[in-house]
Amino acid sequence: MILSTLLAAASVPVTPEWTPTVGIIISVSSLVVLLLSLKIQYPLVGPKLPILPISIPAFIGAMAFGHVIGIGIVLGLTNIGRL
């Protein structure tokens, strides 16, 4: 059991280090998801943000999903050798 875990850990590909390019990709993907979240059916359920026309839970969810999408983009670009 331990041997198979060590073998699986040895085959994990190298992930990229943080660079400004990685930060820009994750920031842009978070912004795009935030803009898309303005189109949800009930964006104002819960406490409101003072600046944006969206609630705090929707904002946190959009930022979390944006980070997940951004990480996927970064790992995909790293895998094909573009980053």
PDB file of N, CA and C in Angstrom:
ATOM      1  N   MET A   1       0.829  -1.186   0.000  1.00  0.00           N
ATOM      2  CA  MET A   1       0.000   0.000   0.000  1.00  0.00           C
ATOM      3  C   MET A   1       0.879   1.257   0.000  1.00  0.00           C
ATOM      4  N   ILE A   2       1.864   1.303   0.862  1.00  0.00           N
ATOM      5  CA  ILE A   2       2.732   2.465   0.935  1.00  0.00           C
ATOM      6  C   ILE A   2       3.579   2.581  -0.334  1.00  0.00           C
ATOM      7  N   LEU A   3       4.000   1.449  -0.882  1.00  0.00           N
ATOM      8  CA  LEU A   3       4.810   1.465  -2.091  1.00  0.00           C
ATOM      9  C   LEU A   3       4.018   2.043  -3.267  1.00  0.00           C
ATOM     10  N   SER A   4       2.744   1.669  -3.383  1.00  0.00           N
ATOM     11  CA  SER A   4       1.941   2.199  -4.493  1.00  0.00           C
ATOM     12  C   SER A   4       1.700   3.701  -4.318  1.00  0.00           C
ATOM     13  N   THR A   5       1.572   4.168  -3.090  1.00  0.00           N
ATOM     14  CA  THR A   5       1.413   5.601  -2.848  1.00  0.00           C
ATOM     15  C   THR A   5       2.678   6.354  -3.227  1.00  0.00           C
ATOM     16  N   LEU A   6       3.830   5.809  -2.895  1.00  0.00           N
ATOM     17  CA  LEU A   6       5.094   6.438  -3.260  1.00  0.00           C
ATOM     18  C   LEU A   6       5.297   6.438  -4.770  1.00  0.00           C
ATOM     19  N   LEU A   7       4.888   5.382  -5.443  1.00  0.00           N
ATOM     20  CA  LEU A   7       5.013   5.340  -6.895  1.00  0.00           C
ATOM     21  C   LEU A   7       4.081   6.356  -7.555  1.00  0.00           C
ATOM     22  N   ALA A   8       2.886   6.514  -6.989  1.00  0.00           N
ATOM     23  CA  ALA A   8       1.951   7.507  -7.531  1.00  0.00           C
ATOM     24  C   ALA A   8       2.484   8.917  -7.318  1.00  0.00           C
ATOM     25  N   ALA A   9       3.102   9.175  -6.176  1.00  0.00           N
ATOM     26  CA  ALA A   9       3.655  10.503  -5.897  1.00  0.00           C
ATOM     27  C   ALA A   9       4.867  10.794  -6.788  1.00  0.00           C
ATOM     28  N   ALA A  10       5.574   9.780  -7.195  1.00  0.00           N
ATOM     29  CA  ALA A  10       6.742   9.982  -8.043  1.00  0.00           C
ATOM     30  C   ALA A  10       6.350  10.332  -9.472  1.00  0.00           C
ATOM     31  N   SER A  11       5.109  10.005  -9.872  1.00  0.00           N
ATOM     32  CA  SER A  11       4.698  10.257 -11.246  1.00  0.00           C
ATOM     33  C   SER A  11       3.917  11.558 -11.414  1.00  0.00           C
ATOM     34  N   VAL A  12       3.829  12.368 -10.380  1.00  0.00           N
ATOM     35  CA  VAL A  12       3.113  13.637 -10.468  1.00  0.00           C
ATOM     36  C   VAL A  12       3.939  14.615 -11.291  1.00  0.00           C
ATOM     37  N   PRO A  13       3.335  15.258 -12.296  1.00  0.00           N
ATOM     38  CA  PRO A  13       4.110  16.184 -13.116  1.00  0.00           C
ATOM     39  C   PRO A  13       4.497  17.439 -12.326  1.00  0.00           C
ATOM     40  N   VAL A  14       5.506  18.109 -12.811  1.00  0.00           N
ATOM     41  CA  VAL A  14       5.996  19.317 -12.156  1.00  0.00           C
ATOM     42  C   VAL A  14       4.981  20.437 -12.372  1.00  0.00           C
ATOM     43  N   THR A  15       4.631  21.130 -11.312  1.00  0.00           N
ATOM     44  CA  THR A  15       3.718  22.261 -11.428  1.00  0.00           C
ATOM     45  C   THR A  15       4.535  23.546 -11.538  1.00  0.00           C
ATOM     46  N   PRO A  16       3.975  24.556 -12.193  1.00  0.00           N
ATOM     47  CA  PRO A  16       4.753  25.790 -12.397  1.00  0.00           C
ATOM     48  C   PRO A  16       4.879  26.598 -11.112  1.00  0.00           C
ATOM     49  N   GLU A  17       5.975  27.314 -11.014  1.00  0.00           N
ATOM     50  CA  GLU A  17       6.135  28.247  -9.897  1.00  0.00           C
ATOM     51  C   GLU A  17       5.314  29.493 -10.192  1.00  0.00           C
ATOM     52  N   TRP A  18       5.029  30.262  -9.138  1.00  0.00           N
ATOM     53  CA  TRP A  18       4.245  31.474  -9.334  1.00  0.00           C
ATOM     54  C   TRP A  18       5.070  32.503 -10.077  1.00  0.00           C
ATOM     55  N   THR A  19       4.469  33.073 -11.108  1.00  0.00           N
ATOM     56  CA  THR A  19       5.056  34.181 -11.854  1.00  0.00           C
ATOM     57  C   THR A  19       3.952  35.212 -12.061  1.00  0.00           C
ATOM     58  N   PRO A  20       4.281  36.421 -12.478  1.00  0.00           N
ATOM     59  CA  PRO A  20       3.220  37.389 -12.769  1.00  0.00           C
ATOM     60  C   PRO A  20       2.249  36.902 -13.848  1.00  0.00           C
ATOM     61  N   THR A  21       2.722  36.084 -14.769  1.00  0.00           N
ATOM     62  CA  THR A  21       1.830  35.534 -15.791  1.00  0.00           C
ATOM     63  C   THR A  21       0.766  34.643 -15.163  1.00  0.00           C
ATOM     64  N   VAL A  22       1.158  33.820 -14.211  1.00  0.00           N
ATOM     65  CA  VAL A  22       0.210  32.961 -13.512  1.00  0.00           C
ATOM     66  C   VAL A  22      -0.804  33.817 -12.751  1.00  0.00           C
ATOM     67  N   GLY A  23      -0.345  34.856 -12.100  1.00  0.00           N
ATOM     68  CA  GLY A  23      -1.242  35.750 -11.375  1.00  0.00           C
ATOM     69  C   GLY A  23      -2.226  36.460 -12.296  1.00  0.00           C
ATOM     70  N   ILE A  24      -1.754  36.867 -13.473  1.00  0.00           N
ATOM     71  CA  ILE A  24      -2.634  37.539 -14.433  1.00  0.00           C
ATOM     72  C   ILE A  24      -3.691  36.574 -14.951  1.00  0.00           C
ATOM     73  N   ILE A  25      -3.299  35.332 -15.241  1.00  0.00           N
ATOM     74  CA  ILE A  25      -4.255  34.340 -15.735  1.00  0.00           C
ATOM     75  C   ILE A  25      -5.342  34.081 -14.702  1.00  0.00           C
ATOM     76  N   ILE A  26      -4.962  33.895 -13.448  1.00  0.00           N
ATOM     77  CA  ILE A  26      -5.949  33.621 -12.400  1.00  0.00           C
ATOM     78  C   ILE A  26      -6.813  34.846 -12.144  1.00  0.00           C
ATOM     79  N   SER A  27      -6.236  36.042 -12.188  1.00  0.00           N
ATOM     80  CA  SER A  27      -7.022  37.264 -11.981  1.00  0.00           C
ATOM     81  C   SER A  27      -8.039  37.468 -13.097  1.00  0.00           C
ATOM     82  N   VAL A  28      -7.624  37.258 -14.338  1.00  0.00           N
ATOM     83  CA  VAL A  28      -8.543  37.438 -15.469  1.00  0.00           C
ATOM     84  C   VAL A  28      -9.653  36.401 -15.428  1.00  0.00           C
ATOM     85  N   SER A  29      -9.319  35.167 -15.099  1.00  0.00           N
ATOM     86  CA  SER A  29     -10.362  34.142 -15.031  1.00  0.00           C
ATOM     87  C   SER A  29     -11.339  34.433 -13.891  1.00  0.00           C
ATOM     88  N   SER A  30     -10.854  34.961 -12.782  1.00  0.00           N
ATOM     89  CA  SER A  30     -11.752  35.333 -11.683  1.00  0.00           C
ATOM     90  C   SER A  30     -12.650  36.495 -12.083  1.00  0.00           C
ATOM     91  N   LEU A  31     -12.114  37.457 -12.812  1.00  0.00           N
ATOM     92  CA  LEU A  31     -12.913  38.590 -13.275  1.00  0.00           C
ATOM     93  C   LEU A  31     -13.987  38.146 -14.265  1.00  0.00           C
ATOM     94  N   VAL A  32     -13.634  37.251 -15.179  1.00  0.00           N
ATOM     95  CA  VAL A  32     -14.611  36.747 -16.151  1.00  0.00           C
ATOM     96  C   VAL A  32     -15.740  36.004 -15.449  1.00  0.00           C
ATOM     97  N   VAL A  33     -15.395  35.160 -14.482  1.00  0.00           N
ATOM     98  CA  VAL A  33     -16.436  34.431 -13.743  1.00  0.00           C
ATOM     99  C   VAL A  33     -17.282  35.398 -12.925  1.00  0.00           C
ATOM    100  N   LEU A  34     -16.687  36.445 -12.381  1.00  0.00           N
ATOM    101  CA  LEU A  34     -17.461  37.442 -11.649  1.00  0.00           C
ATOM    102  C   LEU A  34     -18.451  38.140 -12.568  1.00  0.00           C
ATOM    103  N   LEU A  35     -18.025  38.495 -13.765  1.00  0.00           N
ATOM    104  CA  LEU A  35     -18.932  39.121 -14.723  1.00  0.00           C
ATOM    105  C   LEU A  35     -20.044  38.168 -15.147  1.00  0.00           C
ATOM    106  N   LEU A  36     -19.718  36.895 -15.294  1.00  0.00           N
ATOM    107  CA  LEU A  36     -20.748  35.913 -15.632  1.00  0.00           C
ATOM    108  C   LEU A  36     -21.723  35.690 -14.478  1.00  0.00           C
ATOM    109  N   SER A  37     -21.252  35.858 -13.256  1.00  0.00           N
ATOM    110  CA  SER A  37     -22.128  35.632 -12.101  1.00  0.00           C
ATOM    111  C   SER A  37     -23.174  36.726 -11.958  1.00  0.00           C
ATOM    112  N   LEU A  38     -23.013  37.843 -12.652  1.00  0.00           N
ATOM    113  CA  LEU A  38     -24.046  38.878 -12.627  1.00  0.00           C
ATOM    114  C   LEU A  38     -25.297  38.435 -13.362  1.00  0.00           C
ATOM    115  N   LYS A  39     -25.196  37.374 -14.148  1.00  0.00           N
ATOM    116  CA  LYS A  39     -26.324  36.865 -14.921  1.00  0.00           C
ATOM    117  C   LYS A  39     -27.088  35.752 -14.202  1.00  0.00           C
ATOM    118  N   ILE A  40     -26.734  35.421 -12.956  1.00  0.00           N
ATOM    119  CA  ILE A  40     -27.451  34.371 -12.252  1.00  0.00           C
ATOM    120  C   ILE A  40     -28.849  34.842 -11.899  1.00  0.00           C
ATOM    121  N   GLN A  41     -29.732  33.915 -11.580  1.00  0.00           N
ATOM    122  CA  GLN A  41     -31.138  34.245 -11.412  1.00  0.00           C
ATOM    123  C   GLN A  41     -31.383  35.149 -10.202  1.00  0.00           C
ATOM    124  N   TYR A  42     -30.774  34.847  -9.068  1.00  0.00           N
ATOM    125  CA  TYR A  42     -30.956  35.647  -7.860  1.00  0.00           C
ATOM    126  C   TYR A  42     -29.598  36.127  -7.336  1.00  0.00           C
ATOM    127  N   PRO A  43     -28.986  37.137  -7.953  1.00  0.00           N
ATOM    128  CA  PRO A  43     -27.646  37.552  -7.515  1.00  0.00           C
ATOM    129  C   PRO A  43     -27.651  38.373  -6.228  1.00  0.00           C
ATOM    130  N   LEU A  44     -28.802  38.838  -5.785  1.00  0.00           N
ATOM    131  CA  LEU A  44     -28.845  39.725  -4.618  1.00  0.00           C
ATOM    132  C   LEU A  44     -29.457  39.065  -3.389  1.00  0.00           C
ATOM    133  N   VAL A  45     -29.361  37.758  -3.276  1.00  0.00           N
ATOM    134  CA  VAL A  45     -29.851  37.061  -2.096  1.00  0.00           C
ATOM    135  C   VAL A  45     -28.737  37.041  -1.062  1.00  0.00           C
ATOM    136  N   GLY A  46     -28.974  37.616   0.096  1.00  0.00           N
ATOM    137  CA  GLY A  46     -27.974  37.684   1.143  1.00  0.00           C
ATOM    138  C   GLY A  46     -27.455  39.095   1.299  1.00  0.00           C
ATOM    139  N   PRO A  47     -26.434  39.271   2.138  1.00  0.00           N
ATOM    140  CA  PRO A  47     -25.859  40.612   2.350  1.00  0.00           C
ATOM    141  C   PRO A  47     -25.250  41.146   1.056  1.00  0.00           C
ATOM    142  N   LYS A  48     -25.453  42.408   0.797  1.00  0.00           N
ATOM    143  CA  LYS A  48     -24.996  43.028  -0.450  1.00  0.00           C
ATOM    144  C   LYS A  48     -23.594  43.614  -0.294  1.00  0.00           C
ATOM    145  N   LEU A  49     -22.870  43.656  -1.394  1.00  0.00           N
ATOM    146  CA  LEU A  49     -21.607  44.376  -1.447  1.00  0.00           C
ATOM    147  C   LEU A  49     -21.912  45.844  -1.720  1.00  0.00           C
ATOM    148  N   PRO A  50     -21.175  46.771  -1.129  1.00  0.00           N
ATOM    149  CA  PRO A  50     -21.491  48.186  -1.330  1.00  0.00           C
ATOM    150  C   PRO A  50     -21.173  48.701  -2.733  1.00  0.00           C
ATOM    151  N   ILE A  51     -20.244  48.094  -3.448  1.00  0.00           N
ATOM    152  CA  ILE A  51     -19.818  48.615  -4.742  1.00  0.00           C
ATOM    153  C   ILE A  51     -20.461  47.846  -5.899  1.00  0.00           C
ATOM    154  N   LEU A  52     -20.417  46.520  -5.844  1.00  0.00           N
ATOM    155  CA  LEU A  52     -20.900  45.692  -6.941  1.00  0.00           C
ATOM    156  C   LEU A  52     -22.369  45.324  -6.738  1.00  0.00           C
ATOM    157  N   PRO A  53     -23.103  45.124  -7.826  1.00  0.00           N
ATOM    158  CA  PRO A  53     -24.500  44.701  -7.704  1.00  0.00           C
ATOM    159  C   PRO A  53     -24.625  43.189  -7.522  1.00  0.00           C
ATOM    160  N   ILE A  54     -23.973  42.663  -6.506  1.00  0.00           N
ATOM    161  CA  ILE A  54     -23.956  41.230  -6.245  1.00  0.00           C
ATOM    162  C   ILE A  54     -23.858  41.025  -4.743  1.00  0.00           C
ATOM    163  N   SER A  55     -24.316  39.891  -4.264  1.00  0.00           N
ATOM    164  CA  SER A  55     -24.258  39.624  -2.829  1.00  0.00           C
ATOM    165  C   SER A  55     -22.881  39.068  -2.452  1.00  0.00           C
ATOM    166  N   ILE A  56     -22.607  39.088  -1.168  1.00  0.00           N
ATOM    167  CA  ILE A  56     -21.312  38.589  -0.678  1.00  0.00           C
ATOM    168  C   ILE A  56     -21.138  37.094  -0.959  1.00  0.00           C
ATOM    169  N   PRO A  57     -22.169  36.242  -0.702  1.00  0.00           N
ATOM    170  CA  PRO A  57     -21.980  34.818  -1.035  1.00  0.00           C
ATOM    171  C   PRO A  57     -21.744  34.566  -2.522  1.00  0.00           C
ATOM    172  N   ALA A  58     -22.431  35.307  -3.387  1.00  0.00           N
ATOM    173  CA  ALA A  58     -22.217  35.133  -4.823  1.00  0.00           C
ATOM    174  C   ALA A  58     -20.814  35.597  -5.211  1.00  0.00           C
ATOM    175  N   PHE A  59     -20.318  36.658  -4.596  1.00  0.00           N
ATOM    176  CA  PHE A  59     -18.970  37.153  -4.879  1.00  0.00           C
ATOM    177  C   PHE A  59     -17.917  36.131  -4.462  1.00  0.00           C
ATOM    178  N   ILE A  60     -18.071  35.570  -3.267  1.00  0.00           N
ATOM    179  CA  ILE A  60     -17.102  34.577  -2.778  1.00  0.00           C
ATOM    180  C   ILE A  60     -17.138  33.330  -3.651  1.00  0.00           C
ATOM    181  N   GLY A  61     -18.342  32.902  -4.030  1.00  0.00           N
ATOM    182  CA  GLY A  61     -18.453  31.744  -4.909  1.00  0.00           C
ATOM    183  C   GLY A  61     -17.837  31.990  -6.269  1.00  0.00           C
ATOM    184  N   ALA A  62     -18.048  33.180  -6.821  1.00  0.00           N
ATOM    185  CA  ALA A  62     -17.475  33.515  -8.123  1.00  0.00           C
ATOM    186  C   ALA A  62     -15.952  33.559  -8.053  1.00  0.00           C
ATOM    187  N   MET A  63     -15.415  34.131  -6.991  1.00  0.00           N
ATOM    188  CA  MET A  63     -13.957  34.194  -6.866  1.00  0.00           C
ATOM    189  C   MET A  63     -13.359  32.798  -6.693  1.00  0.00           C
ATOM    190  N   ALA A  64     -14.014  31.955  -5.909  1.00  0.00           N
ATOM    191  CA  ALA A  64     -13.512  30.589  -5.716  1.00  0.00           C
ATOM    192  C   ALA A  64     -13.542  29.820  -7.031  1.00  0.00           C
ATOM    193  N   PHE A  65     -14.656  29.921  -7.765  1.00  0.00           N
ATOM    194  CA  PHE A  65     -14.760  29.220  -9.044  1.00  0.00           C
ATOM    195  C   PHE A  65     -13.779  29.797 -10.059  1.00  0.00           C
ATOM    196  N   GLY A  66     -13.559  31.104 -10.026  1.00  0.00           N
ATOM    197  CA  GLY A  66     -12.578  31.726 -10.911  1.00  0.00           C
ATOM    198  C   GLY A  66     -11.170  31.215 -10.652  1.00  0.00           C
ATOM    199  N   HIS A  67     -10.839  31.010  -9.383  1.00  0.00           N
ATOM    200  CA  HIS A  67      -9.525  30.463  -9.064  1.00  0.00           C
ATOM    201  C   HIS A  67      -9.396  29.024  -9.564  1.00  0.00           C
ATOM    202  N   VAL A  68     -10.458  28.233  -9.415  1.00  0.00           N
ATOM    203  CA  VAL A  68     -10.420  26.849  -9.892  1.00  0.00           C
ATOM    204  C   VAL A  68     -10.230  26.820 -11.409  1.00  0.00           C
ATOM    205  N   ILE A  69     -10.976  27.665 -12.124  1.00  0.00           N
ATOM    206  CA  ILE A  69     -10.834  27.741 -13.578  1.00  0.00           C
ATOM    207  C   ILE A  69      -9.421  28.219 -13.944  1.00  0.00           C
ATOM    208  N   GLY A  70      -8.914  29.230 -13.233  1.00  0.00           N
ATOM    209  CA  GLY A  70      -7.569  29.745 -13.504  1.00  0.00           C
ATOM    210  C   GLY A  70      -6.488  28.704 -13.271  1.00  0.00           C
ATOM    211  N   ILE A  71      -6.634  27.930 -12.214  1.00  0.00           N
ATOM    212  CA  ILE A  71      -5.651  26.871 -11.949  1.00  0.00           C
ATOM    213  C   ILE A  71      -5.695  25.833 -13.058  1.00  0.00           C
ATOM    214  N   GLY A  72      -6.889  25.516 -13.524  1.00  0.00           N
ATOM    215  CA  GLY A  72      -7.006  24.583 -14.641  1.00  0.00           C
ATOM    216  C   GLY A  72      -6.338  25.107 -15.899  1.00  0.00           C
ATOM    217  N   ILE A  73      -6.508  26.392 -16.167  1.00  0.00           N
ATOM    218  CA  ILE A  73      -5.869  26.997 -17.339  1.00  0.00           C
ATOM    219  C   ILE A  73      -4.350  26.966 -17.197  1.00  0.00           C
ATOM    220  N   VAL A  74      -3.852  27.324 -16.019  1.00  0.00           N
ATOM    221  CA  VAL A  74      -2.393  27.332 -15.794  1.00  0.00           C
ATOM    222  C   VAL A  74      -1.825  25.926 -15.940  1.00  0.00           C
ATOM    223  N   LEU A  75      -2.472  24.935 -15.344  1.00  0.00           N
ATOM    224  CA  LEU A  75      -1.964  23.567 -15.458  1.00  0.00           C
ATOM    225  C   LEU A  75      -2.062  23.054 -16.886  1.00  0.00           C
ATOM    226  N   GLY A  76      -3.126  23.414 -17.597  1.00  0.00           N
ATOM    227  CA  GLY A  76      -3.252  23.013 -18.989  1.00  0.00           C
ATOM    228  C   GLY A  76      -2.189  23.624 -19.867  1.00  0.00           C
ATOM    229  N   LEU A  77      -1.944  24.939 -19.677  1.00  0.00           N
ATOM    230  CA  LEU A  77      -0.902  25.600 -20.461  1.00  0.00           C
ATOM    231  C   LEU A  77       0.483  25.056 -20.127  1.00  0.00           C
ATOM    232  N   THR A  78       0.698  24.704 -18.867  1.00  0.00           N
ATOM    233  CA  THR A  78       1.983  24.107 -18.481  1.00  0.00           C
ATOM    234  C   THR A  78       2.140  22.742 -19.118  1.00  0.00           C
ATOM    235  N   ASN A  79       1.054  21.985 -19.160  1.00  0.00           N
ATOM    236  CA  ASN A  79       1.111  20.627 -19.710  1.00  0.00           C
ATOM    237  C   ASN A  79       1.431  20.630 -21.196  1.00  0.00           C
ATOM    238  N   ILE A  80       0.944  21.619 -21.940  1.00  0.00           N
ATOM    239  CA  ILE A  80       1.240  21.665 -23.378  1.00  0.00           C
ATOM    240  C   ILE A  80       2.511  22.450 -23.693  1.00  0.00           C
ATOM    241  N   GLY A  81       3.157  22.989 -22.656  1.00  0.00           N
ATOM    242  CA  GLY A  81       4.439  23.664 -22.840  1.00  0.00           C
ATOM    243  C   GLY A  81       4.340  25.118 -23.223  1.00  0.00           C
ATOM    244  N   ARG A  82       3.221  25.755 -23.022  1.00  0.00           N
ATOM    245  CA  ARG A  82       3.062  27.172 -23.372  1.00  0.00           C
ATOM    246  C   ARG A  82       3.337  28.107 -22.211  1.00  0.00           C
ATOM    247  N   LEU A  83       3.504  27.586 -21.035  1.00  0.00           N
ATOM    248  CA  LEU A  83       3.733  28.436 -19.869  1.00  0.00           C
ATOM    249  C   LEU A  83       4.990  28.005 -19.141  1.00  0.00           C
TER     250      LEU A  83
END
